C-alpha atoms as a PDB file:
ATOM      1  CA  MET A   1      -7.370  53.649 -34.389  1.00  0.00           C
ATOM      2  CA  GLY A   2      -5.561  56.247 -32.277  1.00  0.00           C
ATOM      3  CA  THR A   3      -2.138  55.662 -30.718  1.00  0.00           C
ATOM      4  CA  ASP A   4      -3.548  55.587 -27.144  1.00  0.00           C
ATOM      5  CA  ALA A   5      -6.227  53.089 -28.075  1.00  0.00           C
ATOM      6  CA  GLY A   6      -3.640  50.929 -29.801  1.00  0.00           C
ATOM      7  CA  LEU A   7      -1.375  51.003 -26.751  1.00  0.00           C
ATOM      8  CA  ARG A   8      -4.297  50.022 -24.528  1.00  0.00           C
ATOM      9  CA  LEU A   9      -5.039  47.027 -26.753  1.00  0.00           C
ATOM     10  CA  VAL A  10      -1.367  45.984 -26.703  1.00  0.00           C
ATOM     11  CA  ARG A  11      -1.248  46.252 -22.909  1.00  0.00           C
ATOM     12  CA  ARG A  12      -4.513  44.295 -22.634  1.00  0.00           C
ATOM     13  CA  ASP A  13      -3.102  41.553 -24.857  1.00  0.00           C
ATOM     14  CA  GLU A  14       0.104  41.529 -22.807  1.00  0.00           C
ATOM     15  CA  MET A  15      -1.919  41.203 -19.570  1.00  0.00           C
ATOM     16  CA  ARG A  16      -3.931  38.327 -21.042  1.00  0.00           C
ATOM     17  CA  SER A  17      -0.714  36.652 -22.121  1.00  0.00           C
ATOM     18  CA  ASP A  18       0.774  37.166 -18.668  1.00  0.00           C
ATOM     19  CA  ARG A  19      -2.328  35.632 -17.042  1.00  0.00           C
ATOM     20  CA  ARG A  20      -2.148  32.643 -19.392  1.00  0.00           C
ATOM     21  CA  MET A  21       1.524  32.184 -18.524  1.00  0.00           C
ATOM     22  CA  ILE A  22       0.756  32.399 -14.801  1.00  0.00           C
ATOM     23  CA  ARG A  23      -2.057  29.842 -15.140  1.00  0.00           C
ATOM     24  CA  ALA A  24       0.198  27.541 -17.165  1.00  0.00           C
ATOM     25  CA  ALA A  25       2.989  27.880 -14.599  1.00  0.00           C
ATOM     26  CA  ALA A  26       0.561  27.170 -11.760  1.00  0.00           C
ATOM     27  CA  LEU A  27      -0.722  24.088 -13.584  1.00  0.00           C
ATOM     28  CA  LEU A  28       2.824  22.892 -14.206  1.00  0.00           C
ATOM     29  CA  LEU A  29       3.764  23.410 -10.562  1.00  0.00           C
ATOM     30  CA  GLY A  30       0.621  21.558  -9.511  1.00  0.00           C
ATOM     31  CA  LEU A  31       1.487  18.614 -11.730  1.00  0.00           C
ATOM     32  CA  MET A  32       5.055  18.598 -10.462  1.00  0.00           C
ATOM     33  CA  ALA A  33       3.795  18.622  -6.877  1.00  0.00           C
ATOM     34  CA  ALA A  34       1.251  15.855  -7.565  1.00  0.00           C
ATOM     35  CA  THR A  35       3.726  13.506  -9.230  1.00  0.00           C
ATOM     36  CA  PRO A  36       5.679  12.538  -6.070  1.00  0.00           C
ATOM     37  CA  ALA A  37       2.405  12.070  -4.163  1.00  0.00           C
ATOM     38  CA  ALA A  38       1.064   9.825  -6.926  1.00  0.00           C
ATOM     39  CA  ALA A  39       4.287   7.807  -6.932  1.00  0.00           C
ATOM     40  CA  ASP A  40       4.113   7.461  -3.140  1.00  0.00           C
ATOM     41  CA  PHE A  41       0.503   6.247  -3.397  1.00  0.00           C
ATOM     42  CA  VAL A  42       1.486   3.540  -5.874  1.00  0.00           C
ATOM     43  CA  LEU A  43       4.513   2.458  -3.837  1.00  0.00           C
ATOM     44  CA  SER A  44       2.618   2.357  -0.515  1.00  0.00           C
ATOM     45  CA  ASN A  45      -0.071   0.091  -1.926  1.00  0.00           C
ATOM     46  CA  LEU A  46       2.405  -2.097  -3.804  1.00  0.00           C
ATOM     47  CA  ARG A  47       4.327  -2.532  -0.561  1.00  0.00           C
ATOM     48  CA  PHE A  48       1.281  -3.686   1.352  1.00  0.00           C
ATOM     49  CA  THR A  49       0.251  -5.957  -1.515  1.00  0.00           C
ATOM     50  CA  LEU A  50       3.695  -7.568  -1.371  1.00  0.00           C
ATOM     51  CA  TYR A  51       3.528  -8.031   2.413  1.00  0.00           C
ATOM     52  CA  HIS A  52       0.006  -9.464   2.144  1.00  0.00           C
ATOM     53  CA  GLU A  53       1.110 -12.055  -0.427  1.00  0.00           C
ATOM     54  CA  VAL A  54       4.175 -12.938   1.638  1.00  0.00           C
ATOM     55  CA  GLY A  55       1.672 -13.540   4.434  1.00  0.00           C
ATOM     56  CA  HIS A  56      -0.041 -16.142   2.261  1.00  0.00           C
ATOM     57  CA  ALA A  57       3.360 -17.728   1.577  1.00  0.00           C
ATOM     58  CA  VAL A  58       4.113 -17.894   5.301  1.00  0.00           C
ATOM     59  CA  ILE A  59       0.692 -19.405   6.072  1.00  0.00           C
ATOM     60  CA  ASP A  60       1.264 -22.075   3.423  1.00  0.00           C
ATOM     61  CA  GLN A  61       4.933 -22.885   3.977  1.00  0.00           C
ATOM     62  CA  MET A  62       4.806 -22.742   7.780  1.00  0.00           C
ATOM     63  CA  ARG A  63       1.445 -24.542   7.908  1.00  0.00           C
ATOM     64  CA  VAL A  64      -0.026 -21.818  10.096  1.00  0.00           C
ATOM     65  CA  PRO A  65      -3.408 -22.949  11.493  1.00  0.00           C
ATOM     66  CA  LEU A  66      -6.198 -20.527  10.659  1.00  0.00           C
ATOM     67  CA  PHE A  67      -9.441 -19.974  12.527  1.00  0.00           C
ATOM     68  CA  GLY A  68     -10.872 -17.488  10.046  1.00  0.00           C
ATOM     69  CA  SER A  69     -10.314 -16.025   6.602  1.00  0.00           C
ATOM     70  CA  GLY A  70      -6.890 -16.465   5.025  1.00  0.00           C
ATOM     71  CA  GLU A  71      -7.243 -13.013   3.490  1.00  0.00           C
ATOM     72  CA  THR A  72      -7.799 -11.430   6.895  1.00  0.00           C
ATOM     73  CA  ALA A  73      -4.836 -13.333   8.332  1.00  0.00           C
ATOM     74  CA  ALA A  74      -2.590 -12.215   5.458  1.00  0.00           C
ATOM     75  CA  ASP A  75      -3.640  -8.596   6.055  1.00  0.00           C
ATOM     76  CA  GLY A  76      -2.682  -8.937   9.717  1.00  0.00           C
ATOM     77  CA  PHE A  77       0.695 -10.388   8.783  1.00  0.00           C
ATOM     78  CA  GLY A  78       1.221  -7.565   6.297  1.00  0.00           C
ATOM     79  CA  LEU A  79       0.625  -4.912   8.944  1.00  0.00           C
ATOM     80  CA  MET A  80       2.901  -6.644  11.455  1.00  0.00           C
ATOM     81  CA  VAL A  81       5.742  -6.947   8.945  1.00  0.00           C
ATOM     82  CA  ALA A  82       5.296  -3.404   7.638  1.00  0.00           C
ATOM     83  CA  ASP A  83       5.484  -2.126  11.205  1.00  0.00           C
ATOM     84  CA  ARG A  84       8.802  -3.932  11.686  1.00  0.00           C
ATOM     85  CA  LEU A  85      10.334  -2.814   8.399  1.00  0.00           C
ATOM     86  CA  HIS A  86       9.338   0.839   8.157  1.00  0.00           C
ATOM     87  CA  SER A  87       9.875   4.048  10.068  1.00  0.00           C
ATOM     88  CA  GLU A  88       6.937   5.785  11.713  1.00  0.00           C
ATOM     89  CA  THR A  89       6.872   8.354   8.897  1.00  0.00           C
ATOM     90  CA  GLU A  90       6.751   5.607   6.269  1.00  0.00           C
ATOM     91  CA  MET A  91       4.038   3.742   8.167  1.00  0.00           C
ATOM     92  CA  ARG A  92       1.927   6.882   8.304  1.00  0.00           C
ATOM     93  CA  GLU A  93       2.284   7.263   4.537  1.00  0.00           C
ATOM     94  CA  ILE A  94       1.426   3.606   3.951  1.00  0.00           C
ATOM     95  CA  ILE A  95      -1.730   3.622   6.103  1.00  0.00           C
ATOM     96  CA  THR A  96      -2.856   6.946   4.624  1.00  0.00           C
ATOM     97  CA  ASP A  97      -2.446   5.708   1.045  1.00  0.00           C
ATOM     98  CA  MET A  98      -4.096   2.381   1.910  1.00  0.00           C
ATOM     99  CA  THR A  99      -7.044   4.299   3.352  1.00  0.00           C
ATOM    100  CA  ARG A 100      -7.344   6.411   0.228  1.00  0.00           C
ATOM    101  CA  LEU A 101      -7.310   3.297  -1.965  1.00  0.00           C
ATOM    102  CA  GLY A 102      -9.821   1.540   0.293  1.00  0.00           C
ATOM    103  CA  ARG A 103     -12.272   4.427  -0.020  1.00  0.00           C
ATOM    104  CA  THR A 104     -11.860   4.462  -3.796  1.00  0.00           C
ATOM    105  CA  GLU A 105     -12.504   0.723  -4.013  1.00  0.00           C
ATOM    106  CA  ALA A 106     -15.446   0.879  -1.604  1.00  0.00           C
ATOM    107  CA  ALA A 107     -17.136   3.498  -3.785  1.00  0.00           C
ATOM    108  CA  ARG A 108     -17.122   1.258  -6.855  1.00  0.00           C
ATOM    109  CA  GLU A 109     -17.371  -2.292  -5.495  1.00  0.00           C
ATOM    110  CA  ILE A 110     -20.485  -4.438  -5.544  1.00  0.00           C
ATOM    111  CA  PHE A 111     -20.993  -6.303  -2.292  1.00  0.00           C
ATOM    112  CA  ASP A 112     -20.791 -10.078  -2.664  1.00  0.00           C
ATOM    113  CA  PRO A 113     -21.893 -11.918   0.500  1.00  0.00           C
ATOM    114  CA  TRP A 114     -20.130 -15.101  -0.704  1.00  0.00           C
ATOM    115  CA  SER A 115     -16.750 -13.517  -1.387  1.00  0.00           C
ATOM    116  CA  GLU A 116     -13.774 -14.510   0.757  1.00  0.00           C
ATOM    117  CA  TYR A 117     -12.613 -10.903   0.555  1.00  0.00           C
ATOM    118  CA  MET A 118     -13.649  -8.404   3.201  1.00  0.00           C
ATOM    119  CA  PRO A 119     -15.576  -5.402   1.784  1.00  0.00           C
ATOM    120  CA  GLY A 120     -13.210  -2.539   0.991  1.00  0.00           C
ATOM    121  CA  ALA A 121     -14.574  -0.136   3.603  1.00  0.00           C
ATOM    122  CA  GLN A 122     -14.391  -2.766   6.348  1.00  0.00           C
ATOM    123  CA  ARG A 123     -10.903  -3.849   5.318  1.00  0.00           C
ATOM    124  CA  MET A 124      -9.766  -0.222   5.409  1.00  0.00           C
ATOM    125  CA  SER A 125     -11.275   0.329   8.861  1.00  0.00           C
ATOM    126  CA  ARG A 126      -9.645  -2.824  10.212  1.00  0.00           C
ATOM    127  CA  ALA A 127      -6.248  -1.749   8.866  1.00  0.00           C
ATOM    128  CA  ILE A 128      -6.530   1.670  10.531  1.00  0.00           C
ATOM    129  CA  CYS A 129      -7.678   0.022  13.766  1.00  0.00           C
ATOM    130  CA  LEU A 130      -4.777  -2.458  13.918  1.00  0.00           C
ATOM    131  CA  TRP A 131      -2.206   0.119  12.808  1.00  0.00           C
ATOM    132  CA  PHE A 132      -3.333   2.381  15.641  1.00  0.00           C
ATOM    133  CA  GLY A 133      -3.477  -0.447  18.170  1.00  0.00           C
ATOM    134  CA  LEU A 134       0.119  -1.506  17.511  1.00  0.00           C
ATOM    135  CA  LYS A 135       1.376   1.902  18.733  1.00  0.00           C
ATOM    136  CA  PRO A 136      -1.584   3.762  20.254  1.00  0.00           C
ATOM    137  CA  THR A 137       0.419   6.490  21.968  1.00  0.00           C
ATOM    138  CA  GLU A 138       1.986   7.741  18.747  1.00  0.00           C
ATOM    139  CA  ARG A 139      -0.896   7.143  16.336  1.00  0.00           C
ATOM    140  CA  GLY A 140      -4.115   8.295  17.950  1.00  0.00           C
ATOM    141  CA  ASP A 141      -4.440  11.692  16.284  1.00  0.00           C
ATOM    142  CA  HIS A 142      -3.743  10.387  12.796  1.00  0.00           C
ATOM    143  CA  ALA A 143      -5.987   7.324  13.196  1.00  0.00           C
ATOM    144  CA  ARG A 144      -8.862   9.569  14.265  1.00  0.00           C
ATOM    145  CA  ALA A 145      -8.137  11.873  11.321  1.00  0.00           C
ATOM    146  CA  LEU A 146      -8.438   8.820   9.052  1.00  0.00           C
ATOM    147  CA  GLY A 147     -11.866   8.065  10.513  1.00  0.00           C
ATOM    148  CA  MET A 148     -11.363   5.817  13.543  1.00  0.00           C
ATOM    149  CA  PRO A 149     -14.115   6.569  16.109  1.00  0.00           C
ATOM    150  CA  PRO A 150     -12.663   7.377  19.549  1.00  0.00           C
ATOM    151  CA  GLN A 151     -14.960   4.808  21.173  1.00  0.00           C
ATOM    152  CA  GLU A 152     -13.235   2.051  19.176  1.00  0.00           C
ATOM    153  CA  GLU A 153      -9.767   2.784  20.529  1.00  0.00           C
ATOM    154  CA  TRP A 154      -9.769   0.213  23.320  1.00  0.00           C
ATOM    155  CA  ALA A 155     -11.080  -2.534  21.027  1.00  0.00           C
ATOM    156  CA  CYS A 156      -8.383  -1.673  18.468  1.00  0.00           C
ATOM    157  CA  ILE A 157      -5.669  -1.925  21.113  1.00  0.00           C
ATOM    158  CA  GLU A 158      -6.987  -5.343  22.183  1.00  0.00           C
ATOM    159  CA  ASN A 159      -7.213  -6.543  18.571  1.00  0.00           C
ATOM    160  CA  ALA A 160      -3.644  -5.409  17.898  1.00  0.00           C
ATOM    161  CA  ARG A 161      -2.460  -7.183  21.047  1.00  0.00           C
ATOM    162  CA  ALA A 162      -4.058 -10.400  19.805  1.00  0.00           C
ATOM    163  CA  LEU A 163      -2.475  -9.868  16.379  1.00  0.00           C
ATOM    164  CA  ARG A 164       0.981  -9.390  17.896  1.00  0.00           C
ATOM    165  CA  SER A 165       0.565 -12.461  20.107  1.00  0.00           C
ATOM    166  CA  ALA A 166      -0.429 -14.594  17.106  1.00  0.00           C
ATOM    167  CA  TRP A 167       2.306 -13.520  14.691  1.00  0.00           C
ATOM    168  CA  THR A 168       5.334 -12.730  16.884  1.00  0.00           C
ATOM    169  CA  PRO A 169       6.273 -16.397  17.589  1.00  0.00           C
ATOM    170  CA  ILE A 170       5.982 -17.219  13.880  1.00  0.00           C
ATOM    171  CA  LEU A 171       8.069 -14.220  12.858  1.00  0.00           C
ATOM    172  CA  ASP A 172      10.664 -15.196  15.454  1.00  0.00           C
ATOM    173  CA  ASP A 173      10.813 -18.711  13.961  1.00  0.00           C
ATOM    174  CA  LEU A 174      11.300 -17.189  10.508  1.00  0.00           C
ATOM    175  CA  ARG A 175      14.226 -14.987  11.523  1.00  0.00           C
ATOM    176  CA  PRO A 176      17.227 -15.760   9.266  1.00  0.00           C
ATOM    177  CA  ASP A 177      20.113 -17.579  10.924  1.00  0.00           C
ATOM    178  CA  GLY A 178      22.649 -16.440   8.335  1.00  0.00           C
ATOM    179  CA  THR A 179      23.300 -19.872   6.888  1.00  0.00           C
ATOM    180  CA  GLY A 180      20.934 -19.747   3.897  1.00  0.00           C
ATOM    181  CA  GLY A 181      20.429 -17.436   0.950  1.00  0.00           C
ATOM    182  CA  ALA A 182      17.564 -15.017   0.367  1.00  0.00           C
ATOM    183  CA  SER A 183      14.248 -16.854   0.112  1.00  0.00           C
ATOM    184  CA  LEU A 184      12.450 -14.022  -1.684  1.00  0.00           C
ATOM    185  CA  ARG A 185      13.907 -12.966  -5.013  1.00  0.00           C
ATOM    186  CA  VAL A 186      12.929 -10.628  -7.820  1.00  0.00           C
ATOM    187  CA  ALA A 187      12.170 -12.851 -10.811  1.00  0.00           C
ATOM    188  CA  ALA A 188      11.169 -10.305 -13.464  1.00  0.00           C
ATOM    189  CA  THR A 189      12.001  -6.859 -14.766  1.00  0.00           C
ATOM    190  CA  GLY A 190       9.945  -3.682 -14.707  1.00  0.00           C
ATOM    191  CA  LYS A 191       9.610  -0.450 -12.767  1.00  0.00           C
ATOM    192  CA  ALA A 192       7.228  -1.867 -10.148  1.00  0.00           C
ATOM    193  CA  LEU A 193       9.670  -4.571  -9.094  1.00  0.00           C
ATOM    194  CA  ARG A 194      12.555  -2.108  -9.137  1.00  0.00           C
ATOM    195  CA  LEU A 195      10.532  -0.001  -6.701  1.00  0.00           C
ATOM    196  CA  LEU A 196       9.900  -3.039  -4.496  1.00  0.00           C
ATOM    197  CA  ALA A 197      13.447  -4.424  -4.642  1.00  0.00           C
ATOM    198  CA  PRO A 198      14.606  -2.557  -1.475  1.00  0.00           C
ATOM    199  CA  ASP A 199      11.552  -3.834   0.416  1.00  0.00           C
ATOM    200  CA  ILE A 200      12.210  -7.391  -0.738  1.00  0.00           C
ATOM    201  CA  ALA A 201      15.782  -7.008   0.509  1.00  0.00           C
ATOM    202  CA  ARG A 202      14.454  -5.789   3.882  1.00  0.00           C
ATOM    203  CA  LEU A 203      12.084  -8.740   4.053  1.00  0.00           C
ATOM    204  CA  ASN A 204      14.951 -11.149   3.431  1.00  0.00           C
ATOM    205  CA  LYS A 205      16.752  -9.691   6.437  1.00  0.00           C
ATOM    206  CA  GLU A 206      13.623 -10.110   8.569  1.00  0.00           C
ATOM    207  CA  ILE A 207      12.337 -13.533   7.486  1.00  0.00           C
ATOM    208  CA  ALA A 208      13.615 -16.668   5.766  1.00  0.00           C
ATOM    209  CA  LEU A 209      10.844 -18.701   4.179  1.00  0.00           C
ATOM    210  CA  PRO A 210      11.265 -22.489   4.181  1.00  0.00           C
ATOM    211  CA  ARG A 211      11.315 -22.559   0.360  1.00  0.00           C
ATOM    212  CA  PRO A 212      12.634 -20.156  -2.316  1.00  0.00           C
ATOM    213  CA  THR A 213       9.811 -17.847  -3.395  1.00  0.00           C
ATOM    214  CA  PRO A 214      10.192 -15.721  -6.539  1.00  0.00           C
ATOM    215  CA  VAL A 215       8.286 -12.444  -6.916  1.00  0.00           C
ATOM    216  CA  THR A 216       7.204 -11.579 -10.441  1.00  0.00           C
ATOM    217  CA  ILE A 217       4.971  -9.257 -12.469  1.00  0.00           C
ATOM    218  CA  GLU A 218       2.579 -10.902 -14.915  1.00  0.00           C
ATOM    219  CA  ASN A 219      -0.509 -10.103 -16.961  1.00  0.00           C
ATOM    220  CA  CYS A 220      -3.433 -11.706 -15.121  1.00  0.00           C
ATOM    221  CA  GLY A 221      -6.528 -10.281 -16.780  1.00  0.00           C
ATOM    222  CA  GLU A 222      -7.505  -8.493 -13.541  1.00  0.00           C
ATOM    223  CA  ASP A 223      -6.020  -6.063 -11.046  1.00  0.00           C
ATOM    224  CA  ASN A 224      -4.983  -8.443  -8.300  1.00  0.00           C
ATOM    225  CA  ALA A 225      -2.022 -10.313  -6.821  1.00  0.00           C
ATOM    226  CA  TYR A 226      -1.532 -13.947  -5.920  1.00  0.00           C
ATOM    227  CA  TYR A 227       0.583 -16.456  -4.060  1.00  0.00           C
ATOM    228  CA  TYR A 228       0.571 -19.776  -5.936  1.00  0.00           C
ATOM    229  CA  GLN A 229       0.983 -22.716  -3.579  1.00  0.00           C
ATOM    230  CA  TYR A 230       1.804 -25.244  -6.296  1.00  0.00           C
ATOM    231  CA  ASP A 231       5.106 -23.549  -7.186  1.00  0.00           C
ATOM    232  CA  ASP A 232       5.692 -21.112  -4.279  1.00  0.00           C
ATOM    233  CA  ARG A 233       5.432 -18.031  -6.458  1.00  0.00           C
ATOM    234  CA  ILE A 234       4.173 -14.509  -5.734  1.00  0.00           C
ATOM    235  CA  VAL A 235       2.612 -12.733  -8.721  1.00  0.00           C
ATOM    236  CA  ILE A 236       1.739  -9.048  -8.764  1.00  0.00           C
ATOM    237  CA  CYS A 237      -0.561  -8.450 -11.702  1.00  0.00           C
ATOM    238  CA  ALA A 238       0.455  -5.804 -14.225  1.00  0.00           C
ATOM    239  CA  GLU A 239      -3.190  -4.698 -14.220  1.00  0.00           C
ATOM    240  CA  LEU A 240      -2.927  -3.917 -10.494  1.00  0.00           C
ATOM    241  CA  VAL A 241       0.011  -1.594 -11.114  1.00  0.00           C
ATOM    242  CA  THR A 242      -1.911   0.133 -13.918  1.00  0.00           C
ATOM    243  CA  GLY A 243      -4.963   0.492 -11.692  1.00  0.00           C
ATOM    244  CA  LEU A 244      -2.935   2.006  -8.853  1.00  0.00           C
ATOM    245  CA  ARG A 245      -1.434   4.543 -11.235  1.00  0.00           C
ATOM    246  CA  ARG A 246      -4.928   5.451 -12.416  1.00  0.00           C
ATOM    247  CA  ASP A 247      -6.311   5.731  -8.866  1.00  0.00           C
ATOM    248  CA  ALA A 248      -3.327   7.856  -7.818  1.00  0.00           C
ATOM    249  CA  LEU A 249      -4.513  10.600 -10.177  1.00  0.00           C
ATOM    250  CA  ARG A 250      -8.136  10.630  -8.995  1.00  0.00           C
END
């Protein structure tokens, strides 16, 4: 092999190596960029899960009369509380990540007409609708980008007004008076609860439940979360956290 041919082969190998390094660097940068987004997705949906289960605790401990599904009522409470606790930027992240999860769940769920749970797609649409209706001036563009039809805007505003009217007096009654301790407390270890600890602290500044209510992580055998009335306990299933981490990478 001549010297020129050998040099050409060396240069070709160097170029291939450079391209491999560039592709590897691009992949690494992509993974680095995706990691915060995946973490945000998990946190957003854990936050709403927490607020939803606190809604069940409020309904039980305050003996809130219901004229429909308890799951739907707890969702409404969760949105109201989230809107009080979080900045507009955080709320946009939460509703966006909830929408993404709702679409993922809707694609794989089997409709059960006897289930107390609203179908994923409908639950997602209702959340977008109420989130928009609570602050329609600021949220119209993003709600429409998430799929809200413009013709539904007025109905969403009316639904959010009804939601605010139903929950505001109860939230006012739950406002801490400074004489008692925190009613919600972290009762287990683990990364998920460490992530939620600041939100639990915010909740304790916003509401004081009638009875102490621990929040824990447990293995449940399914990806879900529960409020147990018999011992006033909120359980976030370890399987739910695992599932959110998996869905964050889809």
